[in-house]
PDB file of all heavy atoms in Angstrom:
ATOM      1  N   SER A   1      -5.800  -3.998  -0.907  1.00  0.00           N
ATOM      2  CA  SER A   1      -7.065  -3.548  -1.487  1.00  0.00           C
ATOM      3  C   SER A   1      -7.367  -4.480  -2.656  1.00  0.00           C
ATOM      4  O   SER A   1      -6.724  -4.391  -3.711  1.00  0.00           O
ATOM      5  CB  SER A   1      -6.963  -2.106  -1.978  1.00  0.00           C
ATOM      6  OG  SER A   1      -8.139  -1.757  -2.690  1.00  0.00           O
ATOM      7  N   GLU A   2      -8.324  -5.388  -2.441  1.00  0.00           N
ATOM      8  CA  GLU A   2      -8.691  -6.332  -3.499  1.00  0.00           C
ATOM      9  C   GLU A   2      -9.289  -5.605  -4.697  1.00  0.00           C
ATOM     10  O   GLU A   2      -8.989  -5.943  -5.841  1.00  0.00           O
ATOM     11  CB  GLU A   2      -9.672  -7.379  -2.961  1.00  0.00           C
ATOM     12  CG  GLU A   2      -9.119  -8.229  -1.836  1.00  0.00           C
ATOM     13  CD  GLU A   2      -8.009  -9.182  -2.251  1.00  0.00           C
ATOM     14  OE1 GLU A   2      -7.830  -9.431  -3.459  1.00  0.00           O
ATOM     15  OE2 GLU A   2      -7.315  -9.675  -1.347  1.00  0.00           O
ATOM     16  N   ARG A   3     -10.147  -4.615  -4.450  1.00  0.00           N
ATOM     17  CA  ARG A   3     -10.801  -3.882  -5.552  1.00  0.00           C
ATOM     18  C   ARG A   3      -9.800  -3.145  -6.427  1.00  0.00           C
ATOM     19  O   ARG A   3      -9.924  -3.136  -7.649  1.00  0.00           O
ATOM     20  CB  ARG A   3     -11.831  -2.895  -5.000  1.00  0.00           C
ATOM     21  CG  ARG A   3     -13.159  -3.547  -4.700  1.00  0.00           C
ATOM     22  CD  ARG A   3     -14.211  -2.601  -4.174  1.00  0.00           C
ATOM     23  NE  ARG A   3     -14.385  -1.396  -4.965  1.00  0.00           N
ATOM     24  CZ  ARG A   3     -14.971  -0.318  -4.520  1.00  0.00           C
ATOM     25  NH1 ARG A   3     -15.444  -0.261  -3.291  1.00  0.00           N
ATOM     26  NH2 ARG A   3     -15.103   0.735  -5.283  1.00  0.00           N
ATOM     27  N   ALA A   4      -8.815  -2.502  -5.813  1.00  0.00           N
ATOM     28  CA  ALA A   4      -7.824  -1.739  -6.576  1.00  0.00           C
ATOM     29  C   ALA A   4      -6.661  -2.608  -7.036  1.00  0.00           C
ATOM     30  O   ALA A   4      -5.849  -2.174  -7.835  1.00  0.00           O
ATOM     31  CB  ALA A   4      -7.287  -0.586  -5.735  1.00  0.00           C
ATOM     32  N   ARG A   5      -6.587  -3.852  -6.505  1.00  0.00           N
ATOM     33  CA  ARG A   5      -5.484  -4.768  -6.816  1.00  0.00           C
ATOM     34  C   ARG A   5      -4.139  -4.146  -6.432  1.00  0.00           C
ATOM     35  O   ARG A   5      -3.159  -4.202  -7.164  1.00  0.00           O
ATOM     36  CB  ARG A   5      -5.477  -5.179  -8.288  1.00  0.00           C
ATOM     37  CG  ARG A   5      -6.770  -5.800  -8.782  1.00  0.00           C
ATOM     38  CD  ARG A   5      -7.133  -7.106  -8.130  1.00  0.00           C
ATOM     39  NE  ARG A   5      -6.095  -8.110  -8.311  1.00  0.00           N
ATOM     40  CZ  ARG A   5      -5.872  -9.112  -7.466  1.00  0.00           C
ATOM     41  NH1 ARG A   5      -6.604  -9.238  -6.393  1.00  0.00           N
ATOM     42  NH2 ARG A   5      -4.914  -9.958  -7.680  1.00  0.00           N
ATOM     43  N   LEU A   6      -4.109  -3.527  -5.218  1.00  0.00           N
ATOM     44  CA  LEU A   6      -2.907  -2.873  -4.706  1.00  0.00           C
ATOM     45  C   LEU A   6      -2.591  -3.374  -3.301  1.00  0.00           C
ATOM     46  O   LEU A   6      -3.496  -3.703  -2.536  1.00  0.00           O
ATOM     47  CB  LEU A   6      -3.094  -1.354  -4.661  1.00  0.00           C
ATOM     48  CG  LEU A   6      -3.264  -0.640  -5.990  1.00  0.00           C
ATOM     49  CD1 LEU A   6      -3.632   0.815  -5.748  1.00  0.00           C
ATOM     50  CD2 LEU A   6      -1.998  -0.756  -6.833  1.00  0.00           C
ATOM     51  N   ALA A   7      -1.300  -3.400  -2.973  1.00  0.00           N
ATOM     52  CA  ALA A   7      -0.831  -3.757  -1.634  1.00  0.00           C
ATOM     53  C   ALA A   7      -0.035  -2.577  -1.091  1.00  0.00           C
ATOM     54  O   ALA A   7       0.980  -2.180  -1.676  1.00  0.00           O
ATOM     55  CB  ALA A   7       0.046  -5.003  -1.689  1.00  0.00           C
ATOM     56  N   PHE A   8      -0.503  -2.019   0.021  1.00  0.00           N
ATOM     57  CA  PHE A   8       0.138  -0.864   0.639  1.00  0.00           C
ATOM     58  C   PHE A   8       1.080  -1.345   1.739  1.00  0.00           C
ATOM     59  O   PHE A   8       0.654  -2.076   2.643  1.00  0.00           O
ATOM     60  CB  PHE A   8      -0.918   0.093   1.205  1.00  0.00           C
ATOM     61  CG  PHE A   8      -1.820   0.652   0.144  1.00  0.00           C
ATOM     62  CD1 PHE A   8      -3.006   0.020  -0.182  1.00  0.00           C
ATOM     63  CD2 PHE A   8      -1.455   1.793  -0.549  1.00  0.00           C
ATOM     64  CE1 PHE A   8      -3.835   0.525  -1.178  1.00  0.00           C
ATOM     65  CE2 PHE A   8      -2.276   2.300  -1.547  1.00  0.00           C
ATOM     66  CZ  PHE A   8      -3.465   1.665  -1.870  1.00  0.00           C
ATOM     67  N   PRO A   9       2.352  -0.945   1.685  1.00  0.00           N
ATOM     68  CA  PRO A   9       3.316  -1.430   2.674  1.00  0.00           C
ATOM     69  C   PRO A   9       3.140  -0.782   4.047  1.00  0.00           C
ATOM     70  O   PRO A   9       2.586   0.314   4.163  1.00  0.00           O
ATOM     71  CB  PRO A   9       4.660  -1.013   2.067  1.00  0.00           C
ATOM     72  CG  PRO A   9       4.345   0.212   1.274  1.00  0.00           C
ATOM     73  CD  PRO A   9       2.960  -0.028   0.722  1.00  0.00           C
ATOM     74  N   ILE A  10       3.602  -1.491   5.059  1.00  0.00           N
ATOM     75  CA  ILE A  10       3.691  -0.940   6.409  1.00  0.00           C
ATOM     76  C   ILE A  10       5.177  -0.895   6.730  1.00  0.00           C
ATOM     77  O   ILE A  10       5.838  -1.929   6.772  1.00  0.00           O
ATOM     78  CB  ILE A  10       2.938  -1.806   7.432  1.00  0.00           C
ATOM     79  CG1 ILE A  10       1.450  -1.848   7.080  1.00  0.00           C
ATOM     80  CG2 ILE A  10       3.153  -1.266   8.843  1.00  0.00           C
ATOM     81  CD1 ILE A  10       0.636  -2.787   7.935  1.00  0.00           C
ATOM     82  N   ARG A  11       5.714   0.311   6.896  1.00  0.00           N
ATOM     83  CA  ARG A  11       7.149   0.495   7.159  1.00  0.00           C
ATOM     84  C   ARG A  11       7.346   1.104   8.539  1.00  0.00           C
ATOM     85  O   ARG A  11       6.782   2.154   8.830  1.00  0.00           O
ATOM     86  CB  ARG A  11       7.772   1.403   6.102  1.00  0.00           C
ATOM     87  CG  ARG A  11       7.728   0.823   4.718  1.00  0.00           C
ATOM     88  CD  ARG A  11       8.500   1.689   3.724  1.00  0.00           C
ATOM     89  NE  ARG A  11       8.217   1.238   2.372  1.00  0.00           N
ATOM     90  CZ  ARG A  11       7.833   2.015   1.377  1.00  0.00           C
ATOM     91  NH1 ARG A  11       7.697   3.311   1.574  1.00  0.00           N
ATOM     92  NH2 ARG A  11       7.592   1.518   0.192  1.00  0.00           N
ATOM     93  N   ASP A  12       8.143   0.441   9.345  1.00  0.00           N
ATOM     94  CA  ASP A  12       8.412   0.915  10.708  1.00  0.00           C
ATOM     95  C   ASP A  12       7.116   1.198  11.458  1.00  0.00           C
ATOM     96  O   ASP A  12       7.005   2.174  12.194  1.00  0.00           O
ATOM     97  CB  ASP A  12       9.302   2.162  10.693  1.00  0.00           C
ATOM     98  CG  ASP A  12      10.663   1.891  10.084  1.00  0.00           C
ATOM     99  OD1 ASP A  12      11.215   0.804  10.324  1.00  0.00           O
ATOM    100  OD2 ASP A  12      11.159   2.767   9.360  1.00  0.00           O
ATOM    101  N   GLY A  13       6.111   0.341  11.221  1.00  0.00           N
ATOM    102  CA  GLY A  13       4.845   0.488  11.919  1.00  0.00           C
ATOM    103  C   GLY A  13       3.917   1.536  11.349  1.00  0.00           C
ATOM    104  O   GLY A  13       2.867   1.810  11.908  1.00  0.00           O
ATOM    105  N   ILE A  14       4.277   2.128  10.210  1.00  0.00           N
ATOM    106  CA  ILE A  14       3.464   3.189   9.611  1.00  0.00           C
ATOM    107  C   ILE A  14       2.912   2.714   8.269  1.00  0.00           C
ATOM    108  O   ILE A  14       3.687   2.410   7.354  1.00  0.00           O
ATOM    109  CB  ILE A  14       4.298   4.476   9.400  1.00  0.00           C
ATOM    110  CG1 ILE A  14       4.838   4.955  10.735  1.00  0.00           C
ATOM    111  CG2 ILE A  14       3.460   5.554   8.707  1.00  0.00           C
ATOM    112  CD1 ILE A  14       5.871   6.032  10.625  1.00  0.00           C
ATOM    113  N   PRO A  15       1.586   2.627   8.133  1.00  0.00           N
ATOM    114  CA  PRO A  15       1.005   2.263   6.839  1.00  0.00           C
ATOM    115  C   PRO A  15       1.263   3.384   5.821  1.00  0.00           C
ATOM    116  O   PRO A  15       0.988   4.552   6.083  1.00  0.00           O
ATOM    117  CB  PRO A  15      -0.493   2.144   7.129  1.00  0.00           C
ATOM    118  CG  PRO A  15      -0.597   2.036   8.610  1.00  0.00           C
ATOM    119  CD  PRO A  15       0.575   2.766   9.168  1.00  0.00           C
ATOM    120  N   ILE A  16       1.813   3.014   4.681  1.00  0.00           N
ATOM    121  CA  ILE A  16       2.103   3.970   3.617  1.00  0.00           C
ATOM    122  C   ILE A  16       0.945   3.902   2.621  1.00  0.00           C
ATOM    123  O   ILE A  16       0.864   3.010   1.793  1.00  0.00           O
ATOM    124  CB  ILE A  16       3.442   3.651   2.923  1.00  0.00           C
ATOM    125  CG1 ILE A  16       4.562   3.461   3.936  1.00  0.00           C
ATOM    126  CG2 ILE A  16       3.768   4.713   1.880  1.00  0.00           C
ATOM    127  CD1 ILE A  16       4.833   4.665   4.811  1.00  0.00           C
ATOM    128  N   MET A  17       0.034   4.861   2.727  1.00  0.00           N
ATOM    129  CA  MET A  17      -1.211   4.817   1.968  1.00  0.00           C
ATOM    130  C   MET A  17      -1.155   5.681   0.701  1.00  0.00           C
ATOM    131  O   MET A  17      -2.112   6.360   0.355  1.00  0.00           O
ATOM    132  CB  MET A  17      -2.379   5.248   2.864  1.00  0.00           C
ATOM    133  CG  MET A  17      -2.539   4.404   4.111  1.00  0.00           C
ATOM    134  SD  MET A  17      -2.647   2.635   3.778  1.00  0.00           S
ATOM    135  CE  MET A  17      -4.126   2.566   2.812  1.00  0.00           C
ATOM    136  N   LEU A  18      -0.052   5.615   0.000  1.00  0.00           N
ATOM    137  CA  LEU A  18       0.123   6.347  -1.249  1.00  0.00           C
ATOM    138  C   LEU A  18       0.060   5.361  -2.416  1.00  0.00           C
ATOM    139  O   LEU A  18       0.777   4.353  -2.419  1.00  0.00           O
ATOM    140  CB  LEU A  18       1.468   7.070  -1.270  1.00  0.00           C
ATOM    141  CG  LEU A  18       1.698   8.075  -0.147  1.00  0.00           C
ATOM    142  CD1 LEU A  18       3.145   8.536  -0.139  1.00  0.00           C
ATOM    143  CD2 LEU A  18       0.753   9.241  -0.299  1.00  0.00           C
ATOM    144  N   VAL A  19      -0.778   5.642  -3.395  1.00  0.00           N
ATOM    145  CA  VAL A  19      -0.914   4.759  -4.548  1.00  0.00           C
ATOM    146  C   VAL A  19       0.424   4.571  -5.240  1.00  0.00           C
ATOM    147  O   VAL A  19       0.760   3.467  -5.678  1.00  0.00           O
ATOM    148  CB  VAL A  19      -1.998   5.286  -5.515  1.00  0.00           C
ATOM    149  CG1 VAL A  19      -2.034   4.472  -6.793  1.00  0.00           C
ATOM    150  CG2 VAL A  19      -3.359   5.287  -4.841  1.00  0.00           C
ATOM    151  N   ASP A  20       1.238   5.623  -5.311  1.00  0.00           N
ATOM    152  CA  ASP A  20       2.551   5.535  -5.957  1.00  0.00           C
ATOM    153  C   ASP A  20       3.506   4.598  -5.219  1.00  0.00           C
ATOM    154  O   ASP A  20       4.454   4.095  -5.820  1.00  0.00           O
ATOM    155  CB  ASP A  20       3.199   6.916  -6.056  1.00  0.00           C
ATOM    156  CG  ASP A  20       2.486   7.816  -7.046  1.00  0.00           C
ATOM    157  OD1 ASP A  20       1.669   7.313  -7.847  1.00  0.00           O
ATOM    158  OD2 ASP A  20       2.741   9.028  -7.021  1.00  0.00           O
ATOM    159  N   GLU A  21       3.287   4.375  -3.939  1.00  0.00           N
ATOM    160  CA  GLU A  21       4.137   3.492  -3.139  1.00  0.00           C
ATOM    161  C   GLU A  21       3.597   2.059  -3.068  1.00  0.00           C
ATOM    162  O   GLU A  21       4.278   1.165  -2.586  1.00  0.00           O
ATOM    163  CB  GLU A  21       4.261   4.034  -1.714  1.00  0.00           C
ATOM    164  CG  GLU A  21       5.009   5.333  -1.616  1.00  0.00           C
ATOM    165  CD  GLU A  21       6.506   5.168  -1.822  1.00  0.00           C
ATOM    166  OE1 GLU A  21       7.067   4.162  -1.365  1.00  0.00           O
ATOM    167  OE2 GLU A  21       7.104   6.052  -2.463  1.00  0.00           O
ATOM    168  N   ALA A  22       2.370   1.846  -3.534  1.00  0.00           N
ATOM    169  CA  ALA A  22       1.733   0.533  -3.453  1.00  0.00           C
ATOM    170  C   ALA A  22       2.292  -0.413  -4.509  1.00  0.00           C
ATOM    171  O   ALA A  22       2.733  -0.004  -5.580  1.00  0.00           O
ATOM    172  CB  ALA A  22       0.230   0.675  -3.630  1.00  0.00           C
ATOM    173  N   ARG A  23       2.253  -1.693  -4.134  1.00  0.00           N
ATOM    174  CA  ARG A  23       2.667  -2.755  -5.049  1.00  0.00           C
ATOM    175  C   ARG A  23       1.418  -3.246  -5.777  1.00  0.00           C
ATOM    176  O   ARG A  23       0.373  -3.460  -5.170  1.00  0.00           O
ATOM    177  CB  ARG A  23       3.300  -3.899  -4.239  1.00  0.00           C
ATOM    178  CG  ARG A  23       3.698  -5.108  -5.033  1.00  0.00           C
ATOM    179  CD  ARG A  23       4.400  -6.120  -4.145  1.00  0.00           C
ATOM    180  NE  ARG A  23       3.524  -6.677  -3.122  1.00  0.00           N
ATOM    181  CZ  ARG A  23       2.673  -7.680  -3.321  1.00  0.00           C
ATOM    182  NH1 ARG A  23       2.563  -8.236  -4.511  1.00  0.00           N
ATOM    183  NH2 ARG A  23       1.936  -8.143  -2.317  1.00  0.00           N
ATOM    184  N   LYS A  24       1.517  -3.397  -7.106  1.00  0.00           N
ATOM    185  CA  LYS A  24       0.392  -3.914  -7.879  1.00  0.00           C
ATOM    186  C   LYS A  24       0.325  -5.424  -7.682  1.00  0.00           C
ATOM    187  O   LYS A  24       1.334  -6.112  -7.762  1.00  0.00           O
ATOM    188  CB  LYS A  24       0.546  -3.581  -9.359  1.00  0.00           C
ATOM    189  CG  LYS A  24       0.404  -2.101  -9.616  1.00  0.00           C
ATOM    190  CD  LYS A  24       0.504  -1.780 -11.069  1.00  0.00           C
ATOM    191  CE  LYS A  24       0.389  -0.267 -11.244  1.00  0.00           C
ATOM    192  NZ  LYS A  24       0.560   0.148 -12.603  1.00  0.00           N
TER     193      LYS A  24
END
């Protein structure tokens, strides 16, 4: 997410769409 400056991981084929799990 360019606007939020966050990178959400995909683990075992599942997108993890939690802000707390995202990398800044």
